[in-house]
């Protein structure tokens, strides 16, 4: 089993505004789907709400870490208790008890909770900055990405004509474990 993170950021590590993405890049969304489909995905409540899908992402085992009560169906496994969320973070391998990949898909707090455990980061890096953003990767997450992961392998260089946005999709592999 492996634990991976998938994230898209603006030039200043922006990830959203008011629990919504700042961009719509079909090529990046296709990459996200291709990586996470038929896998386990872990997200926070705000990310889950932003999907507008009561069943969660299709063809995935959805786990939502939250302290709120969610109106969901059996396709989504909410974890409400903050203590359990902490236990889950530290013992995710036992909790999932699976051979597949677990994807950490956001938001900022969830990335920060799991950054010390992920083996690989799939990072879409946009060349634009977004002044309206109010959600960013935390300083801790950025620090670990810089100190403990390689510079990354560029998977794809892309340009979205409709939004006039250039971006790269990179895969960073852990080279040093947190102490």
Foldseek 3Di string as FASTA:
>chain_A
DAEEEEAEAEQQQFAAAPLEGPDDDPVVVVVVCVVAALEEEEEEPSPQVRVVDLLGDPRYQAEYEELDDHDHDPSYHYDRDPVVVLVCLVPVCVVVVDDGYYYYYDDQVSLLSNLLGHFKYWYKYKHHHDPNGDGGRDPNNVVCCVPFWPPWDWPDWDADPVVRITITTTMIGGPDHDD
